[in-house]
Amino acid sequence: MGCRGQGYDYFHVDPAPGRAGFQAVSGHAILKFFLHISKKEQKKRFRQLEDDPLEAWRVTAADWERHKKYEQYLEATEEMLERTSSAFAPWTIVEATSKWHARRKVFESIISALELRLGDKAPPIVKAADDADLRAAMEAADVGDN
């Protein structure tokens, strides 16, 4: 497949089996996120970066070579996610085509995990913001869909 070697071994050999379970039982909240974008979206983002003189340096020939092997990397990623997910430390796969929605899903997942972990100790939620409120707050902080 071409996706082997040191990086492959890193994700497939746990140097301390059971570590995540021990940490979870010890009170740690273990959150793992994989932000996924399609091959089409990846290509679009590479082109946008290349078109910006201040950002063009971020895209290299190696990036385009890896882009050509997108399906192979996706297959290796799926295997890595399967092998490294557990009841104590599952992966949350986030559709990241929209950066705004990806951030929201990550934040919501973190909040839910902390509420679950804290139980009665969690501070009360004052007001659930709707999408318009969240978008306005993000735009005011200049962290829109960039």
N, C-alpha and C. Protein backbone atom coordinates (compact mmCIF):
# COMPACT_ATOMS: atom_id res chain seq x y z
N MET A 1 0.83 -1.20 0.00
CA MET A 1 0.00 0.00 0.00
C MET A 1 0.86 1.26 0.00
N GLY A 2 2.06 1.22 0.54
CA GLY A 2 2.91 2.39 0.54
C GLY A 2 2.83 3.20 1.82
N CYS A 3 1.88 2.92 2.70
CA CYS A 3 1.74 3.64 3.96
C CYS A 3 2.24 2.74 5.09
N ARG A 4 3.50 2.45 5.09
CA ARG A 4 4.11 1.57 6.10
C ARG A 4 5.33 2.28 6.68
N GLY A 5 6.00 1.61 7.58
CA GLY A 5 7.21 2.18 8.14
C GLY A 5 6.99 2.73 9.53
N GLN A 6 7.84 3.67 9.90
CA GLN A 6 7.84 4.21 11.26
C GLN A 6 6.49 4.80 11.66
N GLY A 7 5.86 5.58 10.80
CA GLY A 7 4.57 6.18 11.12
C GLY A 7 3.50 5.13 11.30
N TYR A 8 3.52 4.10 10.46
CA TYR A 8 2.55 3.01 10.57
C TYR A 8 2.72 2.29 11.89
N ASP A 9 3.97 1.94 12.22
CA ASP A 9 4.24 1.23 13.47
C ASP A 9 3.86 2.05 14.69
N TYR A 10 4.04 3.35 14.62
CA TYR A 10 3.71 4.23 15.74
C TYR A 10 2.25 4.09 16.14
N PHE A 11 1.37 4.04 15.16
CA PHE A 11 -0.06 3.98 15.45
C PHE A 11 -0.55 2.56 15.73
N HIS A 12 0.24 1.56 15.42
CA HIS A 12 -0.24 0.20 15.56
C HIS A 12 0.39 -0.57 16.71
N VAL A 13 1.35 -0.01 17.39
CA VAL A 13 1.96 -0.68 18.53
C VAL A 13 1.84 0.24 19.73
N ASP A 14 1.03 -0.15 20.68
CA ASP A 14 0.85 0.64 21.90
C ASP A 14 1.95 0.26 22.88
N PRO A 15 2.85 1.19 23.23
CA PRO A 15 3.95 0.84 24.13
C PRO A 15 3.46 0.52 25.55
N ALA A 16 2.25 0.93 25.88
CA ALA A 16 1.70 0.66 27.21
C ALA A 16 0.25 0.22 27.07
N PRO A 17 0.02 -1.05 26.73
CA PRO A 17 -1.36 -1.51 26.55
C PRO A 17 -2.18 -1.24 27.81
N GLY A 18 -3.40 -0.80 27.62
CA GLY A 18 -4.27 -0.53 28.75
C GLY A 18 -4.11 0.85 29.36
N ARG A 19 -3.18 1.64 28.84
CA ARG A 19 -2.92 2.96 29.40
C ARG A 19 -4.17 3.84 29.37
N ALA A 20 -4.89 3.84 28.26
CA ALA A 20 -6.09 4.68 28.15
C ALA A 20 -7.14 4.27 29.16
N GLY A 21 -7.33 2.96 29.34
CA GLY A 21 -8.30 2.48 30.32
C GLY A 21 -7.91 2.89 31.73
N PHE A 22 -6.63 2.79 32.05
CA PHE A 22 -6.16 3.20 33.38
C PHE A 22 -6.39 4.68 33.60
N GLN A 23 -6.07 5.49 32.59
CA GLN A 23 -6.26 6.94 32.72
C GLN A 23 -7.73 7.28 32.88
N ALA A 24 -8.59 6.61 32.14
CA ALA A 24 -10.03 6.89 32.22
C ALA A 24 -10.56 6.52 33.60
N VAL A 25 -10.16 5.37 34.12
CA VAL A 25 -10.60 4.95 35.46
C VAL A 25 -10.04 5.90 36.52
N SER A 26 -8.89 6.50 36.25
CA SER A 26 -8.28 7.43 37.20
C SER A 26 -8.89 8.82 37.15
N GLY A 27 -9.90 9.01 36.32
CA GLY A 27 -10.60 10.29 36.27
C GLY A 27 -10.26 11.18 35.10
N HIS A 28 -9.39 10.73 34.21
CA HIS A 28 -9.04 11.52 33.04
C HIS A 28 -10.11 11.35 31.95
N ALA A 29 -10.42 12.42 31.27
CA ALA A 29 -11.29 12.34 30.10
C ALA A 29 -10.37 12.28 28.88
N ILE A 30 -10.47 11.21 28.14
CA ILE A 30 -9.61 11.03 26.97
C ILE A 30 -10.45 11.28 25.73
N LEU A 31 -10.09 12.31 24.99
CA LEU A 31 -10.82 12.70 23.79
C LEU A 31 -9.86 12.66 22.60
N LYS A 32 -10.28 11.97 21.55
CA LYS A 32 -9.46 11.89 20.35
C LYS A 32 -10.34 12.29 19.17
N PHE A 33 -9.82 13.20 18.36
CA PHE A 33 -10.57 13.70 17.22
C PHE A 33 -9.79 13.46 15.94
N PHE A 34 -10.49 13.04 14.91
CA PHE A 34 -9.91 12.96 13.57
C PHE A 34 -10.73 13.86 12.69
N LEU A 35 -10.11 14.92 12.17
CA LEU A 35 -10.80 15.86 11.31
C LEU A 35 -10.61 15.41 9.86
N HIS A 36 -11.71 15.06 9.22
CA HIS A 36 -11.66 14.50 7.87
C HIS A 36 -12.14 15.51 6.83
N ILE A 37 -11.39 15.62 5.75
CA ILE A 37 -11.84 16.38 4.59
C ILE A 37 -11.73 15.48 3.37
N SER A 38 -12.56 15.73 2.39
CA SER A 38 -12.55 14.92 1.17
C SER A 38 -11.33 15.27 0.31
N LYS A 39 -11.06 14.41 -0.64
CA LYS A 39 -9.96 14.66 -1.57
C LYS A 39 -10.21 15.96 -2.34
N LYS A 40 -11.46 16.18 -2.72
CA LYS A 40 -11.83 17.39 -3.46
C LYS A 40 -11.57 18.64 -2.60
N GLU A 41 -11.96 18.59 -1.33
CA GLU A 41 -11.76 19.73 -0.43
C GLU A 41 -10.27 19.96 -0.18
N GLN A 42 -9.52 18.89 -0.03
CA GLN A 42 -8.08 19.03 0.18
C GLN A 42 -7.43 19.74 -1.01
N LYS A 43 -7.82 19.33 -2.20
CA LYS A 43 -7.28 19.96 -3.41
C LYS A 43 -7.65 21.44 -3.46
N LYS A 44 -8.90 21.74 -3.13
CA LYS A 44 -9.37 23.12 -3.12
C LYS A 44 -8.55 23.97 -2.13
N ARG A 45 -8.31 23.42 -0.94
CA ARG A 45 -7.53 24.17 0.06
C ARG A 45 -6.09 24.35 -0.37
N PHE A 46 -5.49 23.33 -0.97
CA PHE A 46 -4.13 23.48 -1.49
C PHE A 46 -4.07 24.61 -2.52
N ARG A 47 -5.03 24.63 -3.42
CA ARG A 47 -5.04 25.66 -4.47
C ARG A 47 -5.23 27.06 -3.87
N GLN A 48 -6.11 27.16 -2.87
CA GLN A 48 -6.32 28.46 -2.21
C GLN A 48 -5.04 28.94 -1.55
N LEU A 49 -4.32 28.04 -0.91
CA LEU A 49 -3.06 28.41 -0.28
C LEU A 49 -2.04 28.84 -1.33
N GLU A 50 -1.96 28.09 -2.42
CA GLU A 50 -1.00 28.43 -3.49
C GLU A 50 -1.30 29.78 -4.12
N ASP A 51 -2.57 30.16 -4.17
CA ASP A 51 -2.96 31.43 -4.77
C ASP A 51 -2.66 32.63 -3.86
N ASP A 52 -2.39 32.37 -2.61
CA ASP A 52 -2.09 33.44 -1.65
C ASP A 52 -0.57 33.55 -1.49
N PRO A 53 0.02 34.67 -1.93
CA PRO A 53 1.48 34.80 -1.87
C PRO A 53 2.07 34.64 -0.46
N LEU A 54 1.28 34.95 0.55
CA LEU A 54 1.77 34.82 1.92
C LEU A 54 1.62 33.41 2.46
N GLU A 55 0.84 32.58 1.80
CA GLU A 55 0.59 31.22 2.29
C GLU A 55 1.11 30.13 1.35
N ALA A 56 1.53 30.50 0.15
CA ALA A 56 1.92 29.52 -0.87
C ALA A 56 3.03 28.59 -0.38
N TRP A 57 3.91 29.06 0.46
CA TRP A 57 5.02 28.25 0.96
C TRP A 57 4.55 27.03 1.75
N ARG A 58 3.32 27.06 2.21
CA ARG A 58 2.80 25.97 3.04
C ARG A 58 2.49 24.70 2.24
N VAL A 59 2.35 24.82 0.92
CA VAL A 59 2.04 23.67 0.07
C VAL A 59 3.30 23.30 -0.71
N THR A 60 3.73 22.06 -0.54
CA THR A 60 4.96 21.60 -1.20
C THR A 60 4.64 20.54 -2.24
N ALA A 61 5.65 20.20 -3.00
CA ALA A 61 5.51 19.12 -3.98
C ALA A 61 5.15 17.81 -3.27
N ALA A 62 5.71 17.61 -2.08
CA ALA A 62 5.41 16.40 -1.30
C ALA A 62 3.92 16.35 -0.93
N ASP A 63 3.32 17.51 -0.64
CA ASP A 63 1.89 17.54 -0.34
C ASP A 63 1.08 17.04 -1.53
N TRP A 64 1.45 17.50 -2.71
CA TRP A 64 0.72 17.07 -3.91
C TRP A 64 0.93 15.59 -4.19
N GLU A 65 2.13 15.07 -3.91
CA GLU A 65 2.38 13.63 -4.09
C GLU A 65 1.52 12.82 -3.12
N ARG A 66 1.41 13.27 -1.88
CA ARG A 66 0.55 12.59 -0.90
C ARG A 66 -0.92 12.71 -1.30
N HIS A 67 -1.28 13.85 -1.88
CA HIS A 67 -2.66 14.04 -2.32
C HIS A 67 -3.04 13.00 -3.38
N LYS A 68 -2.08 12.67 -4.25
CA LYS A 68 -2.32 11.66 -5.28
C LYS A 68 -2.61 10.29 -4.66
N LYS A 69 -2.09 10.07 -3.46
CA LYS A 69 -2.27 8.79 -2.76
C LYS A 69 -3.35 8.88 -1.69
N TYR A 70 -4.26 9.81 -1.86
CA TYR A 70 -5.31 10.08 -0.88
C TYR A 70 -6.03 8.80 -0.44
N GLU A 71 -6.42 7.96 -1.40
CA GLU A 71 -7.16 6.75 -1.08
C GLU A 71 -6.34 5.80 -0.22
N GLN A 72 -5.04 5.70 -0.48
CA GLN A 72 -4.17 4.84 0.33
C GLN A 72 -4.06 5.39 1.75
N TYR A 73 -3.89 6.70 1.87
CA TYR A 73 -3.81 7.30 3.20
C TYR A 73 -5.14 7.13 3.95
N LEU A 74 -6.25 7.24 3.23
CA LEU A 74 -7.56 7.07 3.86
C LEU A 74 -7.71 5.64 4.39
N GLU A 75 -7.27 4.66 3.60
CA GLU A 75 -7.34 3.26 4.02
C GLU A 75 -6.49 3.04 5.28
N ALA A 76 -5.27 3.59 5.28
CA ALA A 76 -4.40 3.45 6.45
C ALA A 76 -5.00 4.16 7.66
N THR A 77 -5.62 5.30 7.43
CA THR A 77 -6.25 6.05 8.52
C THR A 77 -7.39 5.27 9.12
N GLU A 78 -8.21 4.66 8.27
CA GLU A 78 -9.34 3.86 8.78
C GLU A 78 -8.83 2.71 9.64
N GLU A 79 -7.77 2.07 9.21
CA GLU A 79 -7.18 0.98 9.99
C GLU A 79 -6.63 1.49 11.31
N MET A 80 -5.95 2.62 11.27
CA MET A 80 -5.41 3.21 12.50
C MET A 80 -6.52 3.55 13.47
N LEU A 81 -7.62 4.13 12.96
CA LEU A 81 -8.74 4.49 13.83
C LEU A 81 -9.34 3.24 14.48
N GLU A 82 -9.49 2.17 13.70
CA GLU A 82 -10.02 0.93 14.25
C GLU A 82 -9.12 0.36 15.34
N ARG A 83 -7.83 0.33 15.08
CA ARG A 83 -6.89 -0.30 16.00
C ARG A 83 -6.63 0.53 17.26
N THR A 84 -6.83 1.81 17.19
CA THR A 84 -6.49 2.65 18.35
C THR A 84 -7.72 3.18 19.08
N SER A 85 -8.89 2.77 18.67
CA SER A 85 -10.11 3.18 19.35
C SER A 85 -10.46 2.15 20.42
N SER A 86 -11.02 2.60 21.52
CA SER A 86 -11.43 1.70 22.58
C SER A 86 -12.64 2.29 23.29
N ALA A 87 -13.25 1.51 24.16
CA ALA A 87 -14.39 2.00 24.93
C ALA A 87 -13.98 3.19 25.80
N PHE A 88 -12.75 3.18 26.30
CA PHE A 88 -12.26 4.25 27.16
C PHE A 88 -11.80 5.47 26.37
N ALA A 89 -11.35 5.23 25.15
CA ALA A 89 -10.80 6.32 24.36
C ALA A 89 -11.21 6.16 22.89
N PRO A 90 -12.49 6.38 22.61
CA PRO A 90 -12.94 6.25 21.22
C PRO A 90 -12.56 7.47 20.40
N TRP A 91 -12.47 7.30 19.12
CA TRP A 91 -12.24 8.42 18.22
C TRP A 91 -13.56 9.09 17.90
N THR A 92 -13.53 10.40 17.77
CA THR A 92 -14.65 11.15 17.23
C THR A 92 -14.21 11.62 15.85
N ILE A 93 -14.90 11.15 14.83
CA ILE A 93 -14.55 11.55 13.47
C ILE A 93 -15.38 12.78 13.14
N VAL A 94 -14.69 13.84 12.75
CA VAL A 94 -15.33 15.12 12.50
C VAL A 94 -15.24 15.44 11.02
N GLU A 95 -16.39 15.65 10.40
CA GLU A 95 -16.41 16.09 9.00
C GLU A 95 -15.95 17.55 9.02
N ALA A 96 -14.81 17.83 8.42
CA ALA A 96 -14.18 19.14 8.55
C ALA A 96 -14.18 19.96 7.27
N THR A 97 -15.09 19.66 6.34
CA THR A 97 -15.17 20.47 5.13
C THR A 97 -15.50 21.92 5.51
N SER A 98 -16.43 22.08 6.42
CA SER A 98 -16.73 23.40 6.97
C SER A 98 -15.96 23.54 8.28
N LYS A 99 -15.01 24.44 8.31
CA LYS A 99 -14.22 24.63 9.53
C LYS A 99 -15.09 25.05 10.70
N TRP A 100 -16.08 25.87 10.42
CA TRP A 100 -16.97 26.35 11.48
C TRP A 100 -17.71 25.18 12.12
N HIS A 101 -18.31 24.31 11.31
CA HIS A 101 -19.04 23.17 11.83
C HIS A 101 -18.10 22.17 12.52
N ALA A 102 -16.90 22.02 12.00
CA ALA A 102 -15.93 21.12 12.63
C ALA A 102 -15.58 21.63 14.02
N ARG A 103 -15.31 22.91 14.13
CA ARG A 103 -14.99 23.48 15.45
C ARG A 103 -16.15 23.30 16.41
N ARG A 104 -17.35 23.53 15.90
CA ARG A 104 -18.52 23.40 16.77
C ARG A 104 -18.66 21.96 17.27
N LYS A 105 -18.49 20.97 16.39
CA LYS A 105 -18.61 19.58 16.82
C LYS A 105 -17.55 19.23 17.86
N VAL A 106 -16.32 19.70 17.65
CA VAL A 106 -15.26 19.43 18.62
C VAL A 106 -15.60 20.06 19.96
N PHE A 107 -16.01 21.32 19.96
CA PHE A 107 -16.36 22.00 21.21
C PHE A 107 -17.52 21.30 21.91
N GLU A 108 -18.55 20.93 21.15
CA GLU A 108 -19.70 20.23 21.75
C GLU A 108 -19.28 18.90 22.35
N SER A 109 -18.39 18.19 21.68
CA SER A 109 -17.91 16.91 22.20
C SER A 109 -17.12 17.10 23.48
N ILE A 110 -16.30 18.12 23.53
CA ILE A 110 -15.52 18.41 24.74
C ILE A 110 -16.45 18.76 25.89
N ILE A 111 -17.42 19.62 25.63
CA ILE A 111 -18.36 20.02 26.67
C ILE A 111 -19.13 18.81 27.19
N SER A 112 -19.62 17.97 26.28
CA SER A 112 -20.37 16.77 26.70
C SER A 112 -19.51 15.85 27.56
N ALA A 113 -18.26 15.64 27.15
CA ALA A 113 -17.36 14.76 27.91
C ALA A 113 -17.08 15.33 29.29
N LEU A 114 -16.88 16.64 29.36
CA LEU A 114 -16.62 17.26 30.66
C LEU A 114 -17.85 17.22 31.56
N GLU A 115 -19.01 17.45 30.99
CA GLU A 115 -20.25 17.35 31.78
C GLU A 115 -20.44 15.94 32.32
N LEU A 116 -20.18 14.96 31.49
CA LEU A 116 -20.30 13.57 31.90
C LEU A 116 -19.29 13.25 33.01
N ARG A 117 -18.06 13.71 32.84
CA ARG A 117 -16.99 13.43 33.80
C ARG A 117 -17.23 14.18 35.12
N LEU A 118 -17.71 15.42 35.05
CA LEU A 118 -17.90 16.22 36.25
C LEU A 118 -19.19 15.90 36.99
N GLY A 119 -20.18 15.41 36.26
CA GLY A 119 -21.46 15.07 36.89
C GLY A 119 -22.08 16.26 37.58
N ASP A 120 -22.41 16.10 38.87
CA ASP A 120 -23.05 17.16 39.66
C ASP A 120 -22.15 18.38 39.86
N LYS A 121 -20.85 18.19 39.68
CA LYS A 121 -19.90 19.29 39.89
C LYS A 121 -19.83 20.24 38.70
N ALA A 122 -20.47 19.89 37.60
CA ALA A 122 -20.43 20.73 36.40
C ALA A 122 -21.20 22.02 36.65
N PRO A 123 -20.67 23.15 36.21
CA PRO A 123 -21.40 24.41 36.38
C PRO A 123 -22.67 24.40 35.54
N PRO A 124 -23.70 25.09 35.99
CA PRO A 124 -24.95 25.09 35.22
C PRO A 124 -24.79 25.83 33.90
N ILE A 125 -25.51 25.36 32.91
CA ILE A 125 -25.50 26.03 31.60
C ILE A 125 -26.50 27.17 31.69
N VAL A 126 -26.02 28.37 31.44
CA VAL A 126 -26.86 29.55 31.57
C VAL A 126 -27.82 29.66 30.40
N LYS A 127 -27.29 29.58 29.19
CA LYS A 127 -28.12 29.73 28.00
C LYS A 127 -27.48 28.96 26.86
N ALA A 128 -28.27 28.18 26.19
CA ALA A 128 -27.77 27.48 25.02
C ALA A 128 -27.81 28.45 23.85
N ALA A 129 -26.65 28.75 23.29
CA ALA A 129 -26.58 29.69 22.17
C ALA A 129 -27.06 29.00 20.90
N ASP A 130 -27.74 29.74 20.07
CA ASP A 130 -28.14 29.17 18.78
C ASP A 130 -27.05 29.45 17.75
N ASP A 131 -27.21 28.90 16.57
CA ASP A 131 -26.19 29.05 15.53
C ASP A 131 -25.87 30.51 15.23
N ALA A 132 -26.88 31.37 15.19
CA ALA A 132 -26.65 32.78 14.88
C ALA A 132 -25.78 33.44 15.95
N ASP A 133 -26.06 33.13 17.22
CA ASP A 133 -25.25 33.68 18.31
C ASP A 133 -23.80 33.20 18.22
N LEU A 134 -23.62 31.89 17.96
CA LEU A 134 -22.27 31.33 17.88
C LEU A 134 -21.51 31.92 16.70
N ARG A 135 -22.18 32.02 15.56
CA ARG A 135 -21.51 32.57 14.37
C ARG A 135 -21.11 34.03 14.61
N ALA A 136 -21.99 34.81 15.24
CA ALA A 136 -21.69 36.21 15.53
C ALA A 136 -20.50 36.31 16.48
N ALA A 137 -20.46 35.45 17.49
CA ALA A 137 -19.35 35.47 18.44
C ALA A 137 -18.04 35.10 17.77
N MET A 138 -18.08 34.10 16.88
CA MET A 138 -16.86 33.69 16.17
C MET A 138 -16.39 34.77 15.22
N GLU A 139 -17.33 35.42 14.54
CA GLU A 139 -16.95 36.49 13.63
C GLU A 139 -16.36 37.67 14.39
N ALA A 140 -16.94 37.96 15.56
CA ALA A 140 -16.41 39.06 16.39
C ALA A 140 -14.99 38.73 16.85
N ALA A 141 -14.72 37.46 17.06
CA ALA A 141 -13.38 37.04 17.47
C ALA A 141 -12.48 36.80 16.27
N ASP A 142 -13.01 37.01 15.06
CA ASP A 142 -12.28 36.83 13.81
C ASP A 142 -11.75 35.42 13.65
N VAL A 143 -12.60 34.42 13.94
CA VAL A 143 -12.23 33.04 13.72
C VAL A 143 -13.31 32.35 12.89
N GLY A 144 -13.77 33.03 11.88
CA GLY A 144 -14.80 32.49 11.00
C GLY A 144 -14.36 31.23 10.31
N ASP A 145 -14.83 30.98 9.13
CA ASP A 145 -14.57 29.73 8.40
C ASP A 145 -13.25 29.83 7.62
N ASN A 146 -12.20 30.20 8.28
CA ASN A 146 -10.87 30.30 7.67
C ASN A 146 -10.07 29.06 7.93
